[in-house]
């Protein structure tokens, strides 16, 4: 009669390793997505250059940022 205990134990351990890898990959993907969203939200709005009557660009003020 064959002893199936080591094989079943190995399968169980391998299944646990695969699940752990999958969870780790999901967490990594989630962190990457959150980081991309936070970087996109931190980008400043495009500045608009305004000109005076003489055609010279006006300086930027606090509200332009």
PDB file of N, CA and C in Angstrom:
ATOM      1  N   UNK A   1       0.841  -1.172   0.000  1.00  0.00           N
ATOM      2  CA  UNK A   1       0.000   0.000   0.000  1.00  0.00           C
ATOM      3  C   UNK A   1       0.885   1.233   0.000  1.00  0.00           C
ATOM      4  N   UNK A   2       0.578   2.153  -0.863  1.00  0.00           N
ATOM      5  CA  UNK A   2       1.387   3.366  -1.006  1.00  0.00           C
ATOM      6  C   UNK A   2       1.044   4.365   0.090  1.00  0.00           C
ATOM      7  N   UNK A   3       2.062   5.099   0.489  1.00  0.00           N
ATOM      8  CA  UNK A   3       1.856   6.129   1.521  1.00  0.00           C
ATOM      9  C   UNK A   3       1.592   7.450   0.804  1.00  0.00           C
ATOM     10  N   UNK A   4       0.359   7.946   0.819  1.00  0.00           N
ATOM     11  CA  UNK A   4      -0.010   9.153   0.072  1.00  0.00           C
ATOM     12  C   UNK A   4       0.109  10.421   0.902  1.00  0.00           C
ATOM     13  N   UNK A   5       0.451  10.305   2.138  1.00  0.00           N
ATOM     14  CA  UNK A   5       0.530  11.474   2.996  1.00  0.00           C
ATOM     15  C   UNK A   5       1.533  12.515   2.491  1.00  0.00           C
ATOM     16  N   UNK A   6       2.773  12.150   2.143  1.00  0.00           N
ATOM     17  CA  UNK A   6       3.727  13.177   1.687  1.00  0.00           C
ATOM     18  C   UNK A   6       3.247  13.904   0.425  1.00  0.00           C
ATOM     19  N   UNK A   7       2.635  13.195  -0.489  1.00  0.00           N
ATOM     20  CA  UNK A   7       2.164  13.816  -1.724  1.00  0.00           C
ATOM     21  C   UNK A   7       1.047  14.814  -1.438  1.00  0.00           C
ATOM     22  N   UNK A   8       0.111  14.423  -0.608  1.00  0.00           N
ATOM     23  CA  UNK A   8      -1.000  15.311  -0.267  1.00  0.00           C
ATOM     24  C   UNK A   8      -0.487  16.531   0.473  1.00  0.00           C
ATOM     25  N   UNK A   9       0.484  16.322   1.347  1.00  0.00           N
ATOM     26  CA  UNK A   9       1.065  17.434   2.100  1.00  0.00           C
ATOM     27  C   UNK A   9       1.778  18.401   1.158  1.00  0.00           C
ATOM     28  N   UNK A  10       2.503  17.835   0.190  1.00  0.00           N
ATOM     29  CA  UNK A  10       3.213  18.677  -0.783  1.00  0.00           C
ATOM     30  C   UNK A  10       2.216  19.487  -1.611  1.00  0.00           C
ATOM     31  N   UNK A  11       1.138  18.854  -2.028  1.00  0.00           N
ATOM     32  CA  UNK A  11       0.118  19.568  -2.806  1.00  0.00           C
ATOM     33  C   UNK A  11      -0.488  20.711  -1.993  1.00  0.00           C
ATOM     34  N   UNK A  12      -0.761  20.428  -0.731  1.00  0.00           N
ATOM     35  CA  UNK A  12      -1.352  21.445   0.136  1.00  0.00           C
ATOM     36  C   UNK A  12      -0.399  22.630   0.307  1.00  0.00           C
ATOM     37  N   UNK A  13       0.869  22.324   0.521  1.00  0.00           N
ATOM     38  CA  UNK A  13       1.859  23.400   0.677  1.00  0.00           C
ATOM     39  C   UNK A  13       2.002  24.199  -0.609  1.00  0.00           C
ATOM     40  N   UNK A  14       2.036  23.508  -1.740  1.00  0.00           N
ATOM     41  CA  UNK A  14       2.167  24.209  -3.024  1.00  0.00           C
ATOM     42  C   UNK A  14       0.935  25.076  -3.286  1.00  0.00           C
ATOM     43  N   UNK A  15      -0.234  24.572  -2.969  1.00  0.00           N
ATOM     44  CA  UNK A  15      -1.469  25.354  -3.137  1.00  0.00           C
ATOM     45  C   UNK A  15      -1.425  26.605  -2.266  1.00  0.00           C
ATOM     46  N   UNK A  16      -0.938  26.465  -1.042  1.00  0.00           N
ATOM     47  CA  UNK A  16      -0.825  27.619  -0.145  1.00  0.00           C
ATOM     48  C   UNK A  16       0.175  28.631  -0.702  1.00  0.00           C
ATOM     49  N   UNK A  17       1.287  28.145  -1.252  1.00  0.00           N
ATOM     50  CA  UNK A  17       2.273  29.056  -1.856  1.00  0.00           C
ATOM     51  C   UNK A  17       1.669  29.809  -3.039  1.00  0.00           C
ATOM     52  N   UNK A  18       0.922  29.097  -3.886  1.00  0.00           N
ATOM     53  CA  UNK A  18       0.296  29.739  -5.045  1.00  0.00           C
ATOM     54  C   UNK A  18      -0.713  30.798  -4.618  1.00  0.00           C
ATOM     55  N   UNK A  19      -1.502  30.483  -3.604  1.00  0.00           N
ATOM     56  CA  UNK A  19      -2.480  31.457  -3.113  1.00  0.00           C
ATOM     57  C   UNK A  19      -1.779  32.687  -2.550  1.00  0.00           C
ATOM     58  N   UNK A  20      -0.701  32.460  -1.826  1.00  0.00           N
ATOM     59  CA  UNK A  20       0.051  33.578  -1.254  1.00  0.00           C
ATOM     60  C   UNK A  20       0.628  34.457  -2.373  1.00  0.00           C
ATOM     61  N   UNK A  21       1.172  33.814  -3.398  1.00  0.00           N
ATOM     62  CA  UNK A  21       1.707  34.587  -4.536  1.00  0.00           C
ATOM     63  C   UNK A  21       0.613  35.400  -5.214  1.00  0.00           C
ATOM     64  N   UNK A  22      -0.563  34.787  -5.370  1.00  0.00           N
ATOM     65  CA  UNK A  22      -1.669  35.480  -6.017  1.00  0.00           C
ATOM     66  C   UNK A  22      -2.127  36.682  -5.187  1.00  0.00           C
ATOM     67  N   UNK A  23      -2.229  36.499  -3.876  1.00  0.00           N
ATOM     68  CA  UNK A  23      -2.623  37.609  -2.997  1.00  0.00           C
ATOM     69  C   UNK A  23      -1.593  38.731  -3.056  1.00  0.00           C
ATOM     70  N   UNK A  24      -0.328  38.348  -3.068  1.00  0.00           N
ATOM     71  CA  UNK A  24       0.750  39.329  -3.120  1.00  0.00           C
ATOM     72  C   UNK A  24       0.687  40.121  -4.431  1.00  0.00           C
ATOM     73  N   UNK A  25       0.422  39.426  -5.537  1.00  0.00           N
ATOM     74  CA  UNK A  25       0.312  40.097  -6.828  1.00  0.00           C
ATOM     75  C   UNK A  25      -0.874  41.058  -6.847  1.00  0.00           C
ATOM     76  N   UNK A  26      -1.988  40.654  -6.227  1.00  0.00           N
ATOM     77  CA  UNK A  26      -3.157  41.531  -6.175  1.00  0.00           C
ATOM     78  C   UNK A  26      -2.863  42.779  -5.356  1.00  0.00           C
ATOM     79  N   UNK A  27      -2.185  42.613  -4.220  1.00  0.00           N
ATOM     80  CA  UNK A  27      -1.830  43.764  -3.389  1.00  0.00           C
ATOM     81  C   UNK A  27      -0.898  44.703  -4.130  1.00  0.00           C
ATOM     82  N   UNK A  28       0.052  44.130  -4.866  1.00  0.00           N
ATOM     83  CA  UNK A  28       1.000  44.942  -5.630  1.00  0.00           C
ATOM     84  C   UNK A  28       0.265  45.742  -6.707  1.00  0.00           C
ATOM     85  N   UNK A  29      -0.651  45.086  -7.406  1.00  0.00           N
ATOM     86  CA  UNK A  29      -1.431  45.769  -8.439  1.00  0.00           C
ATOM     87  C   UNK A  29      -2.281  46.883  -7.824  1.00  0.00           C
ATOM     88  N   UNK A  30      -2.854  46.634  -6.654  1.00  0.00           N
ATOM     89  CA  UNK A  30      -3.673  47.642  -5.979  1.00  0.00           C
ATOM     90  C   UNK A  30      -2.828  48.843  -5.576  1.00  0.00           C
ATOM     91  N   UNK A  31      -1.634  48.575  -5.016  1.00  0.00           N
ATOM     92  CA  UNK A  31      -0.748  49.676  -4.627  1.00  0.00           C
ATOM     93  C   UNK A  31      -0.328  50.494  -5.841  1.00  0.00           C
ATOM     94  N   UNK A  32      -0.045  49.807  -6.941  1.00  0.00           N
ATOM     95  CA  UNK A  32       0.355  50.500  -8.164  1.00  0.00           C
ATOM     96  C   UNK A  32      -0.775  51.388  -8.667  1.00  0.00           C
ATOM     97  N   UNK A  33      -1.987  50.881  -8.644  1.00  0.00           N
ATOM     98  CA  UNK A  33      -3.150  51.648  -9.081  1.00  0.00           C
ATOM     99  C   UNK A  33      -3.354  52.867  -8.188  1.00  0.00           C
ATOM    100  N   UNK A  34      -3.251  52.674  -6.867  1.00  0.00           N
ATOM    101  CA  UNK A  34      -3.408  53.800  -5.938  1.00  0.00           C
ATOM    102  C   UNK A  34      -2.322  54.844  -6.145  1.00  0.00           C
ATOM    103  N   UNK A  35      -1.110  54.380  -6.409  1.00  0.00           N
ATOM    104  CA  UNK A  35      -0.006  55.318  -6.626  1.00  0.00           C
ATOM    105  C   UNK A  35      -0.234  56.121  -7.905  1.00  0.00           C
ATOM    106  N   UNK A  36      -0.689  55.456  -8.965  1.00  0.00           N
ATOM    107  CA  UNK A  36      -0.964  56.165 -10.216  1.00  0.00           C
ATOM    108  C   UNK A  36      -2.064  57.197 -10.029  1.00  0.00           C
ATOM    109  N   UNK A  37      -3.079  56.845  -9.252  1.00  0.00           N
ATOM    110  CA  UNK A  37      -4.180  57.785  -9.023  1.00  0.00           C
ATOM    111  C   UNK A  37      -3.723  58.972  -8.196  1.00  0.00           C
ATOM    112  N   UNK A  38      -2.864  58.737  -7.203  1.00  0.00           N
ATOM    113  CA  UNK A  38      -2.403  59.847  -6.374  1.00  0.00           C
ATOM    114  C   UNK A  38      -1.464  60.749  -7.157  1.00  0.00           C
ATOM    115  N   UNK A  39      -0.657  60.179  -8.049  1.00  0.00           N
ATOM    116  CA  UNK A  39       0.250  60.989  -8.869  1.00  0.00           C
ATOM    117  C   UNK A  39      -0.572  61.836  -9.836  1.00  0.00           C
ATOM    118  N   UNK A  40      -1.611  61.249 -10.408  1.00  0.00           N
ATOM    119  CA  UNK A  40      -2.454  61.995 -11.343  1.00  0.00           C
ATOM    120  C   UNK A  40      -3.176  63.128 -10.622  1.00  0.00           C
ATOM    121  N   UNK A  41      -3.548  62.926  -9.372  1.00  0.00           N
ATOM    122  CA  UNK A  41      -4.249  63.954  -8.610  1.00  0.00           C
ATOM    123  C   UNK A  41      -3.320  65.047  -8.125  1.00  0.00           C
ATOM    124  N   UNK A  42      -2.034  64.754  -7.989  1.00  0.00           N
ATOM    125  CA  UNK A  42      -1.077  65.736  -7.492  1.00  0.00           C
ATOM    126  C   UNK A  42      -0.539  66.655  -8.578  1.00  0.00           C
ATOM    127  N   UNK A  43      -0.778  66.329  -9.798  1.00  0.00           N
ATOM    128  CA  UNK A  43      -0.262  67.152 -10.894  1.00  0.00           C
ATOM    129  C   UNK A  43      -0.962  68.505 -10.896  1.00  0.00           C
ATOM    130  N   UNK A  44      -0.189  69.571 -11.060  1.00  0.00           N
ATOM    131  CA  UNK A  44      -0.828  70.885 -11.098  1.00  0.00           C
ATOM    132  C   UNK A  44      -1.607  71.074 -12.394  1.00  0.00           C
ATOM    133  N   UNK A  45      -2.589  71.910 -12.319  1.00  0.00           N
ATOM    134  CA  UNK A  45      -3.365  72.225 -13.512  1.00  0.00           C
ATOM    135  C   UNK A  45      -2.471  72.988 -14.485  1.00  0.00           C
ATOM    136  N   UNK A  46      -2.800  72.907 -15.761  1.00  0.00           N
ATOM    137  CA  UNK A  46      -2.007  73.631 -16.748  1.00  0.00           C
ATOM    138  C   UNK A  46      -2.181  75.129 -16.519  1.00  0.00           C
ATOM    139  N   UNK A  47      -1.078  75.817 -16.529  1.00  0.00           N
ATOM    140  CA  UNK A  47      -1.108  77.255 -16.309  1.00  0.00           C
ATOM    141  C   UNK A  47      -1.537  77.974 -17.581  1.00  0.00           C
ATOM    142  N   UNK A  48      -2.293  79.008 -17.413  1.00  0.00           N
ATOM    143  CA  UNK A  48      -2.721  79.831 -18.528  1.00  0.00           C
ATOM    144  C   UNK A  48      -1.988  81.161 -18.447  1.00  0.00           C
ATOM    145  N   UNK A  49      -1.303  81.486 -19.513  1.00  0.00           N
ATOM    146  CA  UNK A  49      -0.564  82.743 -19.543  1.00  0.00           C
ATOM    147  C   UNK A  49      -1.518  83.838 -20.009  1.00  0.00           C
ATOM    148  N   UNK A  50      -1.609  84.886 -19.235  1.00  0.00           N
ATOM    149  CA  UNK A  50      -2.446  86.026 -19.620  1.00  0.00           C
ATOM    150  C   UNK A  50      -1.545  87.188 -20.034  1.00  0.00           C
ATOM    151  N   UNK A  51      -2.054  88.007 -20.924  1.00  0.00           N
ATOM    152  CA  UNK A  51      -1.280  89.121 -21.462  1.00  0.00           C
ATOM    153  C   UNK A  51      -1.972  90.439 -21.136  1.00  0.00           C
ATOM    154  N   UNK A  52      -1.184  91.462 -20.939  1.00  0.00           N
ATOM    155  CA  UNK A  52      -1.750  92.781 -20.684  1.00  0.00           C
ATOM    156  C   UNK A  52      -2.069  93.465 -22.007  1.00  0.00           C
ATOM    157  N   UNK A  53      -2.468  94.749 -21.944  1.00  0.00           N
ATOM    158  CA  UNK A  53      -2.868  95.486 -23.144  1.00  0.00           C
ATOM    159  C   UNK A  53      -1.733  95.643 -24.144  1.00  0.00           C
ATOM    160  N   UNK A  54      -0.496  95.630 -23.669  1.00  0.00           N
ATOM    161  CA  UNK A  54       0.662  95.824 -24.552  1.00  0.00           C
ATOM    162  C   UNK A  54       1.155  94.508 -25.152  1.00  0.00           C
ATOM    163  N   UNK A  55       0.506  93.411 -24.795  1.00  0.00           N
ATOM    164  CA  UNK A  55       0.910  92.123 -25.331  1.00  0.00           C
ATOM    165  C   UNK A  55       2.011  91.449 -24.529  1.00  0.00           C
ATOM    166  N   UNK A  56       2.334  91.995 -23.371  1.00  0.00           N
ATOM    167  CA  UNK A  56       3.359  91.409 -22.512  1.00  0.00           C
ATOM    168  C   UNK A  56       2.695  90.404 -21.559  1.00  0.00           C
ATOM    169  N   UNK A  57       3.360  89.294 -21.313  1.00  0.00           N
ATOM    170  CA  UNK A  57       2.767  88.337 -20.374  1.00  0.00           C
ATOM    171  C   UNK A  57       2.731  88.906 -18.960  1.00  0.00           C
ATOM    172  N   UNK A  58       1.631  88.660 -18.269  1.00  0.00           N
ATOM    173  CA  UNK A  58       1.500  89.114 -16.891  1.00  0.00           C
ATOM    174  C   UNK A  58       2.138  88.082 -15.963  1.00  0.00           C
ATOM    175  N   UNK A  59       2.544  88.533 -14.804  1.00  0.00           N
ATOM    176  CA  UNK A  59       3.142  87.626 -13.833  1.00  0.00           C
ATOM    177  C   UNK A  59       2.116  86.677 -13.240  1.00  0.00           C
ATOM    178  N   UNK A  60       2.600  85.603 -12.684  1.00  0.00           N
ATOM    179  CA  UNK A  60       1.719  84.632 -12.049  1.00  0.00           C
ATOM    180  C   UNK A  60       1.495  85.039 -10.605  1.00  0.00           C
ATOM    181  N   UNK A  61       0.331  84.717 -10.086  1.00  0.00           N
ATOM    182  CA  UNK A  61       0.068  84.991  -8.681  1.00  0.00           C
ATOM    183  C   UNK A  61      -0.334  83.711  -7.966  1.00  0.00           C
ATOM    184  N   UNK A  62      -0.656  83.831  -6.720  1.00  0.00           N
ATOM    185  CA  UNK A  62      -0.944  82.666  -5.881  1.00  0.00           C
ATOM    186  C   UNK A  62      -2.038  81.771  -6.448  1.00  0.00           C
ATOM    187  N   UNK A  63      -3.057  82.334  -7.040  1.00  0.00           N
ATOM    188  CA  UNK A  63      -4.203  81.577  -7.521  1.00  0.00           C
ATOM    189  C   UNK A  63      -3.936  80.838  -8.810  1.00  0.00           C
ATOM    190  N   UNK A  64      -2.787  81.089  -9.438  1.00  0.00           N
ATOM    191  CA  UNK A  64      -2.455  80.393 -10.669  1.00  0.00           C
ATOM    192  C   UNK A  64      -1.898  79.000 -10.405  1.00  0.00           C
ATOM    193  N   UNK A  65      -1.602  78.690  -9.160  1.00  0.00           N
ATOM    194  CA  UNK A  65      -0.990  77.391  -8.853  1.00  0.00           C
ATOM    195  C   UNK A  65      -1.962  76.457  -8.221  1.00  0.00           C
TER     196      UNK A  65
END
